Amino acid sequence: MKAASLMLALAFLCGACGQSNTGGADAKVTTLGRIEVTAKLLDAGGEFPPNDLYDYAHIMKYEVLTTHRGMLDGKTIYVGHYNPLKPRASAADERSGEVGGNVTRFIAGDVHRMALVSPIDEHFMGAQVNKLPESEKGAIYWALWTNRAS
């Protein structure tokens, strides 16, 4: 009897865990922009400059794991994140437009679900910090919404 109760409790807990894991999906990431991906952050592009100097987009390198909607230029993409020292939930201001999400720090190896637009220059007119010279060969995407996916 105890084993059956334990198994039932374990099955309930596992089911509850599965229901709370949305893979980073929410109402914003699934509707903003023209492109939605789940991608692994490969390279954050070096140290982030302090926000007290100026507001900027920092270009980062990702490996696309899943394309949920839209079209991409390959499995490796470059994404500009506005003021990356700020948590996504508090990053938006009058210069950025609608940006946000639940990511609090950018760490190589983390997986993010992102709503994107491209090219960045059509959506953000501010400074860009790009320490990844290979990104110059293709499109750079603008991150509108960035959630942790795992």
N, C-alpha and C. Protein backbone atom coordinates (compact mmCIF):
# COMPACT_ATOMS: atom_id res chain seq x y z
N MET A 1 0.82 -1.20 0.00
CA MET A 1 0.00 0.00 0.00
C MET A 1 0.86 1.25 0.00
N LYS A 2 1.94 1.24 0.83
CA LYS A 2 2.81 2.41 0.88
C LYS A 2 3.48 2.64 -0.46
N ALA A 3 3.89 1.57 -1.14
CA ALA A 3 4.56 1.70 -2.44
C ALA A 3 3.61 2.30 -3.47
N ALA A 4 2.33 1.86 -3.44
CA ALA A 4 1.35 2.38 -4.39
C ALA A 4 1.10 3.87 -4.13
N SER A 5 1.01 4.25 -2.86
CA SER A 5 0.81 5.66 -2.51
C SER A 5 2.00 6.51 -2.93
N LEU A 6 3.20 5.97 -2.72
CA LEU A 6 4.41 6.67 -3.11
C LEU A 6 4.47 6.86 -4.61
N MET A 7 4.13 5.81 -5.37
CA MET A 7 4.14 5.90 -6.83
C MET A 7 3.12 6.91 -7.33
N LEU A 8 1.93 6.93 -6.72
CA LEU A 8 0.89 7.88 -7.10
C LEU A 8 1.34 9.31 -6.82
N ALA A 9 1.96 9.53 -5.67
CA ALA A 9 2.45 10.86 -5.32
C ALA A 9 3.56 11.29 -6.28
N LEU A 10 4.45 10.37 -6.61
CA LEU A 10 5.54 10.68 -7.53
C LEU A 10 5.00 11.00 -8.92
N ALA A 11 4.02 10.24 -9.38
CA ALA A 11 3.42 10.50 -10.70
C ALA A 11 2.75 11.86 -10.72
N PHE A 12 2.07 12.23 -9.64
CA PHE A 12 1.42 13.54 -9.55
C PHE A 12 2.45 14.66 -9.60
N LEU A 13 3.54 14.51 -8.84
CA LEU A 13 4.58 15.53 -8.84
C LEU A 13 5.23 15.68 -10.21
N CYS A 14 5.51 14.58 -10.86
CA CYS A 14 6.11 14.64 -12.19
C CYS A 14 5.16 15.31 -13.18
N GLY A 15 3.89 14.99 -13.10
CA GLY A 15 2.90 15.62 -13.97
C GLY A 15 2.79 17.11 -13.72
N ALA A 16 2.85 17.51 -12.46
CA ALA A 16 2.77 18.93 -12.13
C ALA A 16 4.00 19.66 -12.64
N CYS A 17 5.17 19.01 -12.54
CA CYS A 17 6.39 19.63 -13.06
C CYS A 17 6.29 19.84 -14.56
N GLY A 18 5.78 18.88 -15.27
CA GLY A 18 5.65 18.98 -16.72
C GLY A 18 4.69 20.08 -17.13
N GLN A 19 3.64 20.30 -16.35
CA GLN A 19 2.67 21.33 -16.69
C GLN A 19 3.25 22.72 -16.49
N SER A 20 4.15 22.90 -15.53
CA SER A 20 4.69 24.23 -15.26
C SER A 20 5.83 24.59 -16.20
N ASN A 21 6.42 23.60 -16.89
CA ASN A 21 7.51 23.88 -17.82
C ASN A 21 6.92 24.23 -19.18
N THR A 22 6.95 25.50 -19.52
CA THR A 22 6.36 25.96 -20.78
C THR A 22 7.40 26.09 -21.87
N GLY A 23 8.66 25.77 -21.59
CA GLY A 23 9.70 25.94 -22.58
C GLY A 23 9.95 27.40 -22.93
N GLY A 24 9.56 28.29 -22.03
CA GLY A 24 9.75 29.72 -22.25
C GLY A 24 8.62 30.40 -22.97
N ALA A 25 7.58 29.65 -23.34
CA ALA A 25 6.45 30.25 -24.06
C ALA A 25 5.61 31.10 -23.12
N ASP A 26 5.21 32.26 -23.60
CA ASP A 26 4.22 33.09 -22.92
C ASP A 26 3.53 33.94 -23.98
N ALA A 27 2.58 34.76 -23.57
CA ALA A 27 1.79 35.54 -24.52
C ALA A 27 2.63 36.51 -25.34
N LYS A 28 3.71 37.02 -24.80
CA LYS A 28 4.55 37.99 -25.52
C LYS A 28 5.48 37.29 -26.52
N VAL A 29 6.23 36.28 -26.06
CA VAL A 29 7.22 35.66 -26.93
C VAL A 29 6.56 34.95 -28.12
N THR A 30 5.32 34.51 -27.95
CA THR A 30 4.65 33.79 -29.04
C THR A 30 3.90 34.71 -29.99
N THR A 31 3.86 36.01 -29.72
CA THR A 31 3.13 36.92 -30.61
C THR A 31 3.95 38.10 -31.12
N LEU A 32 4.96 38.54 -30.38
CA LEU A 32 5.75 39.68 -30.82
C LEU A 32 6.67 39.29 -31.97
N GLY A 33 7.00 40.25 -32.79
CA GLY A 33 7.97 40.03 -33.87
C GLY A 33 7.45 39.12 -34.96
N ARG A 34 8.35 38.81 -35.89
CA ARG A 34 8.01 37.93 -37.00
C ARG A 34 8.68 36.57 -36.88
N ILE A 35 9.62 36.45 -35.95
CA ILE A 35 10.40 35.21 -35.80
C ILE A 35 10.38 34.82 -34.33
N GLU A 36 10.27 33.51 -34.09
CA GLU A 36 10.32 32.99 -32.72
C GLU A 36 11.18 31.74 -32.73
N VAL A 37 12.19 31.73 -31.87
CA VAL A 37 13.12 30.61 -31.81
C VAL A 37 13.40 30.21 -30.37
N THR A 38 13.83 28.97 -30.21
CA THR A 38 14.50 28.53 -29.00
C THR A 38 15.94 28.30 -29.41
N ALA A 39 16.87 28.94 -28.69
CA ALA A 39 18.28 28.90 -29.09
C ALA A 39 19.19 28.89 -27.88
N LYS A 40 20.35 28.27 -28.08
CA LYS A 40 21.37 28.19 -27.03
C LYS A 40 22.36 29.33 -27.21
N LEU A 41 22.62 30.08 -26.15
CA LEU A 41 23.59 31.17 -26.19
C LEU A 41 24.99 30.58 -26.23
N LEU A 42 25.68 30.80 -27.34
CA LEU A 42 27.03 30.27 -27.52
C LEU A 42 28.09 31.24 -27.03
N ASP A 43 27.89 32.53 -27.30
CA ASP A 43 28.90 33.55 -26.99
C ASP A 43 28.18 34.87 -26.71
N ALA A 44 28.35 35.38 -25.50
CA ALA A 44 27.71 36.65 -25.13
C ALA A 44 28.44 37.85 -25.71
N GLY A 45 29.55 37.63 -26.40
CA GLY A 45 30.24 38.73 -27.05
C GLY A 45 31.10 39.57 -26.13
N GLY A 46 31.65 38.96 -25.11
CA GLY A 46 32.55 39.68 -24.21
C GLY A 46 31.83 40.41 -23.09
N GLU A 47 32.59 41.24 -22.40
CA GLU A 47 32.05 42.01 -21.26
C GLU A 47 31.04 43.04 -21.75
N PHE A 48 30.01 43.28 -20.95
CA PHE A 48 29.02 44.29 -21.28
C PHE A 48 29.48 45.64 -20.72
N PRO A 49 29.48 46.70 -21.54
CA PRO A 49 29.81 48.02 -21.02
C PRO A 49 28.79 48.45 -19.96
N PRO A 50 29.19 49.31 -19.03
CA PRO A 50 28.22 49.78 -18.03
C PRO A 50 27.12 50.61 -18.68
N ASN A 51 25.93 50.55 -18.10
CA ASN A 51 24.80 51.30 -18.64
C ASN A 51 24.86 52.78 -18.32
N ASP A 52 25.77 53.21 -17.47
CA ASP A 52 25.80 54.63 -17.13
C ASP A 52 26.45 55.48 -18.22
N LEU A 53 27.13 54.85 -19.18
CA LEU A 53 27.75 55.59 -20.27
C LEU A 53 26.74 55.91 -21.37
N TYR A 54 26.01 54.90 -21.80
CA TYR A 54 25.02 55.06 -22.86
C TYR A 54 24.17 53.80 -22.94
N ASP A 55 23.04 53.89 -23.63
CA ASP A 55 22.20 52.73 -23.87
C ASP A 55 22.64 52.11 -25.18
N TYR A 56 22.64 50.79 -25.25
CA TYR A 56 23.18 50.11 -26.41
C TYR A 56 22.57 48.72 -26.58
N ALA A 57 22.74 48.17 -27.77
CA ALA A 57 22.42 46.77 -28.03
C ALA A 57 23.73 46.00 -28.10
N HIS A 58 23.80 44.89 -27.41
CA HIS A 58 25.00 44.05 -27.39
C HIS A 58 24.71 42.81 -28.24
N ILE A 59 25.57 42.54 -29.20
CA ILE A 59 25.36 41.44 -30.13
C ILE A 59 25.90 40.13 -29.54
N MET A 60 25.06 39.08 -29.58
CA MET A 60 25.41 37.77 -29.03
C MET A 60 25.18 36.68 -30.07
N LYS A 61 25.91 35.58 -29.94
CA LYS A 61 25.86 34.46 -30.89
C LYS A 61 25.04 33.32 -30.29
N TYR A 62 24.10 32.79 -31.10
CA TYR A 62 23.23 31.69 -30.68
C TYR A 62 23.25 30.55 -31.68
N GLU A 63 22.99 29.35 -31.17
CA GLU A 63 22.72 28.18 -32.01
C GLU A 63 21.22 27.91 -31.93
N VAL A 64 20.54 27.94 -33.06
CA VAL A 64 19.09 27.74 -33.09
C VAL A 64 18.79 26.27 -32.88
N LEU A 65 17.96 25.98 -31.89
CA LEU A 65 17.54 24.60 -31.60
C LEU A 65 16.19 24.30 -32.25
N THR A 66 15.27 25.28 -32.18
CA THR A 66 13.94 25.14 -32.77
C THR A 66 13.48 26.48 -33.32
N THR A 67 12.94 26.46 -34.53
CA THR A 67 12.29 27.65 -35.08
C THR A 67 10.80 27.44 -34.94
N HIS A 68 10.15 28.28 -34.14
CA HIS A 68 8.71 28.14 -33.88
C HIS A 68 7.88 28.84 -34.95
N ARG A 69 8.39 29.98 -35.45
CA ARG A 69 7.72 30.68 -36.55
C ARG A 69 8.72 31.60 -37.22
N GLY A 70 8.46 31.89 -38.49
CA GLY A 70 9.33 32.77 -39.25
C GLY A 70 10.46 32.03 -39.95
N MET A 71 11.30 32.81 -40.63
CA MET A 71 12.41 32.26 -41.42
C MET A 71 13.72 32.84 -40.89
N LEU A 72 14.78 32.00 -40.93
CA LEU A 72 16.10 32.41 -40.47
C LEU A 72 17.14 32.21 -41.57
N ASP A 73 18.31 32.80 -41.34
CA ASP A 73 19.43 32.66 -42.27
C ASP A 73 20.39 31.56 -41.86
N GLY A 74 19.95 30.53 -41.17
CA GLY A 74 20.83 29.44 -40.78
C GLY A 74 20.63 29.03 -39.34
N LYS A 75 21.48 28.11 -38.87
CA LYS A 75 21.39 27.58 -37.50
C LYS A 75 22.17 28.43 -36.50
N THR A 76 23.10 29.24 -36.99
CA THR A 76 23.82 30.17 -36.11
C THR A 76 23.29 31.57 -36.41
N ILE A 77 22.84 32.25 -35.37
CA ILE A 77 22.31 33.60 -35.55
C ILE A 77 22.98 34.55 -34.56
N TYR A 78 22.90 35.82 -34.90
CA TYR A 78 23.45 36.88 -34.05
C TYR A 78 22.28 37.78 -33.65
N VAL A 79 22.20 38.04 -32.34
CA VAL A 79 21.04 38.73 -31.78
C VAL A 79 21.51 39.90 -30.93
N GLY A 80 20.90 41.06 -31.16
CA GLY A 80 21.16 42.23 -30.33
C GLY A 80 20.17 42.31 -29.18
N HIS A 81 20.71 42.37 -27.96
CA HIS A 81 19.90 42.53 -26.75
C HIS A 81 20.15 43.92 -26.19
N TYR A 82 19.08 44.64 -25.89
CA TYR A 82 19.17 45.99 -25.38
C TYR A 82 19.61 46.00 -23.92
N ASN A 83 20.62 46.81 -23.62
CA ASN A 83 21.13 46.97 -22.25
C ASN A 83 21.17 45.64 -21.48
N PRO A 84 22.05 44.74 -21.87
CA PRO A 84 22.03 43.38 -21.32
C PRO A 84 22.39 43.27 -19.84
N LEU A 85 22.90 44.32 -19.23
CA LEU A 85 23.15 44.26 -17.78
C LEU A 85 21.86 44.33 -16.98
N LYS A 86 20.79 44.80 -17.60
CA LYS A 86 19.49 44.90 -16.92
C LYS A 86 18.70 43.62 -17.15
N PRO A 87 17.96 43.18 -16.12
CA PRO A 87 17.03 42.07 -16.34
C PRO A 87 16.05 42.45 -17.45
N ARG A 88 15.66 41.50 -18.27
CA ARG A 88 14.77 41.80 -19.40
C ARG A 88 13.49 42.47 -18.95
N ALA A 89 12.98 42.12 -17.78
CA ALA A 89 11.72 42.68 -17.30
C ALA A 89 11.81 44.20 -17.06
N SER A 90 13.02 44.72 -16.87
CA SER A 90 13.17 46.16 -16.62
C SER A 90 14.05 46.86 -17.66
N ALA A 91 14.29 46.22 -18.79
CA ALA A 91 15.19 46.79 -19.80
C ALA A 91 14.53 47.84 -20.69
N ALA A 92 13.23 47.76 -20.90
CA ALA A 92 12.55 48.64 -21.86
C ALA A 92 12.57 50.10 -21.41
N ASP A 93 12.72 50.98 -22.39
CA ASP A 93 12.59 52.42 -22.17
C ASP A 93 12.15 53.06 -23.47
N GLU A 94 12.18 54.40 -23.54
CA GLU A 94 11.70 55.09 -24.73
C GLU A 94 12.56 54.82 -25.96
N ARG A 95 13.81 54.45 -25.80
CA ARG A 95 14.69 54.17 -26.94
C ARG A 95 14.49 52.76 -27.51
N SER A 96 14.15 51.82 -26.65
CA SER A 96 14.11 50.41 -27.05
C SER A 96 12.79 49.98 -27.65
N GLY A 97 11.72 50.66 -27.28
CA GLY A 97 10.40 50.13 -27.63
C GLY A 97 10.09 48.95 -26.72
N GLU A 98 9.21 48.08 -27.17
CA GLU A 98 8.78 46.96 -26.33
C GLU A 98 9.81 45.83 -26.36
N VAL A 99 10.60 45.74 -25.31
CA VAL A 99 11.49 44.62 -25.09
C VAL A 99 11.23 44.11 -23.67
N GLY A 100 11.50 42.84 -23.44
CA GLY A 100 11.28 42.30 -22.11
C GLY A 100 11.54 40.81 -22.07
N GLY A 101 10.98 40.17 -21.05
CA GLY A 101 11.14 38.74 -20.84
C GLY A 101 11.51 38.45 -19.41
N ASN A 102 11.89 37.20 -19.14
CA ASN A 102 12.22 36.83 -17.76
C ASN A 102 13.70 36.50 -17.55
N VAL A 103 14.53 36.66 -18.57
CA VAL A 103 15.97 36.44 -18.40
C VAL A 103 16.53 37.55 -17.52
N THR A 104 17.33 37.17 -16.53
CA THR A 104 17.94 38.16 -15.65
C THR A 104 19.41 38.37 -15.93
N ARG A 105 20.08 37.35 -16.52
CA ARG A 105 21.51 37.45 -16.88
C ARG A 105 21.75 36.63 -18.14
N PHE A 106 22.72 37.03 -18.91
CA PHE A 106 23.09 36.30 -20.12
C PHE A 106 24.34 35.48 -19.83
N ILE A 107 24.18 34.15 -19.86
CA ILE A 107 25.27 33.23 -19.55
C ILE A 107 25.38 32.22 -20.69
N ALA A 108 26.58 32.09 -21.26
CA ALA A 108 26.81 31.12 -22.33
C ALA A 108 26.37 29.74 -21.87
N GLY A 109 25.65 29.05 -22.74
CA GLY A 109 25.13 27.72 -22.44
C GLY A 109 23.65 27.75 -22.09
N ASP A 110 23.13 28.90 -21.66
CA ASP A 110 21.70 28.99 -21.35
C ASP A 110 20.88 28.91 -22.63
N VAL A 111 19.66 28.41 -22.50
CA VAL A 111 18.74 28.30 -23.63
C VAL A 111 17.63 29.33 -23.46
N HIS A 112 17.40 30.11 -24.52
CA HIS A 112 16.40 31.18 -24.49
C HIS A 112 15.35 30.97 -25.57
N ARG A 113 14.14 31.33 -25.25
CA ARG A 113 13.08 31.42 -26.26
C ARG A 113 12.90 32.90 -26.54
N MET A 114 13.03 33.27 -27.83
CA MET A 114 13.06 34.69 -28.18
C MET A 114 12.09 35.03 -29.30
N ALA A 115 11.50 36.20 -29.19
CA ALA A 115 10.75 36.82 -30.28
C ALA A 115 11.70 37.83 -30.91
N LEU A 116 11.87 37.72 -32.24
CA LEU A 116 12.88 38.51 -32.95
C LEU A 116 12.29 39.23 -34.16
N VAL A 117 12.99 40.28 -34.57
CA VAL A 117 12.76 40.93 -35.86
C VAL A 117 14.12 41.16 -36.50
N SER A 118 14.11 41.41 -37.81
CA SER A 118 15.36 41.60 -38.53
C SER A 118 15.12 42.53 -39.71
N PRO A 119 16.11 43.30 -40.07
CA PRO A 119 17.40 43.49 -39.44
C PRO A 119 17.31 44.46 -38.27
N ILE A 120 18.29 44.38 -37.39
CA ILE A 120 18.29 45.20 -36.19
C ILE A 120 18.21 46.69 -36.51
N ASP A 121 18.88 47.11 -37.59
CA ASP A 121 18.94 48.54 -37.93
C ASP A 121 17.58 49.14 -38.26
N GLU A 122 16.62 48.34 -38.64
CA GLU A 122 15.27 48.84 -38.93
C GLU A 122 14.42 48.97 -37.67
N HIS A 123 14.92 48.46 -36.53
CA HIS A 123 14.11 48.43 -35.31
C HIS A 123 14.78 49.11 -34.13
N PHE A 124 16.09 49.31 -34.22
CA PHE A 124 16.82 49.98 -33.14
C PHE A 124 17.88 50.88 -33.76
N MET A 125 17.80 52.17 -33.45
CA MET A 125 18.70 53.16 -34.07
C MET A 125 19.85 53.57 -33.16
N GLY A 126 20.00 52.93 -32.02
CA GLY A 126 21.05 53.31 -31.07
C GLY A 126 22.36 52.61 -31.33
N ALA A 127 23.27 52.78 -30.37
CA ALA A 127 24.61 52.19 -30.46
C ALA A 127 24.53 50.67 -30.38
N GLN A 128 25.44 50.02 -31.10
CA GLN A 128 25.57 48.57 -31.06
C GLN A 128 27.00 48.21 -30.67
N VAL A 129 27.13 47.33 -29.68
CA VAL A 129 28.43 46.81 -29.28
C VAL A 129 28.52 45.42 -29.89
N ASN A 130 29.44 45.26 -30.85
CA ASN A 130 29.57 43.99 -31.56
C ASN A 130 31.03 43.57 -31.57
N LYS A 131 31.35 42.60 -30.70
CA LYS A 131 32.71 42.06 -30.61
C LYS A 131 32.83 40.72 -31.33
N LEU A 132 31.87 40.44 -32.19
CA LEU A 132 31.84 39.18 -32.94
C LEU A 132 31.93 39.51 -34.42
N PRO A 133 33.13 39.67 -34.96
CA PRO A 133 33.29 40.12 -36.35
C PRO A 133 32.63 39.20 -37.37
N GLU A 134 32.49 37.91 -37.06
CA GLU A 134 31.85 36.99 -38.00
C GLU A 134 30.38 37.31 -38.22
N SER A 135 29.78 38.09 -37.32
CA SER A 135 28.36 38.45 -37.45
C SER A 135 28.11 39.39 -38.62
N GLU A 136 29.15 40.02 -39.12
CA GLU A 136 29.01 40.98 -40.23
C GLU A 136 28.59 40.30 -41.53
N LYS A 137 28.68 38.98 -41.60
CA LYS A 137 28.37 38.25 -42.84
C LYS A 137 26.88 38.04 -43.07
N GLY A 138 26.05 38.24 -42.07
CA GLY A 138 24.62 37.96 -42.23
C GLY A 138 23.77 38.93 -41.43
N ALA A 139 22.51 38.57 -41.31
CA ALA A 139 21.55 39.40 -40.58
C ALA A 139 21.84 39.39 -39.09
N ILE A 140 21.61 40.52 -38.46
CA ILE A 140 21.63 40.60 -37.00
C ILE A 140 20.19 40.87 -36.58
N TYR A 141 19.69 40.04 -35.67
CA TYR A 141 18.31 40.10 -35.23
C TYR A 141 18.20 40.98 -33.98
N TRP A 142 17.04 41.59 -33.80
CA TRP A 142 16.72 42.41 -32.64
C TRP A 142 15.81 41.59 -31.74
N ALA A 143 16.21 41.42 -30.48
CA ALA A 143 15.42 40.65 -29.51
C ALA A 143 14.35 41.53 -28.90
N LEU A 144 13.11 41.17 -29.14
CA LEU A 144 11.99 41.87 -28.53
C LEU A 144 11.66 41.28 -27.17
N TRP A 145 11.65 39.96 -27.10
CA TRP A 145 11.27 39.27 -25.87
C TRP A 145 12.19 38.07 -25.68
N THR A 146 12.74 37.89 -24.48
CA THR A 146 13.69 36.82 -24.22
C THR A 146 13.35 36.15 -22.89
N ASN A 147 12.96 34.88 -22.98
CA ASN A 147 12.64 34.08 -21.79
C ASN A 147 13.61 32.91 -21.68
N ARG A 148 13.84 32.47 -20.45
CA ARG A 148 14.59 31.21 -20.25
C ARG A 148 13.72 30.07 -20.76
N ALA A 149 14.34 29.16 -21.47
CA ALA A 149 13.58 28.02 -22.02
C ALA A 149 13.84 26.74 -21.23
N SER A 150 14.86 26.71 -20.37
CA SER A 150 15.12 25.51 -19.59
C SER A 150 15.64 25.89 -18.23
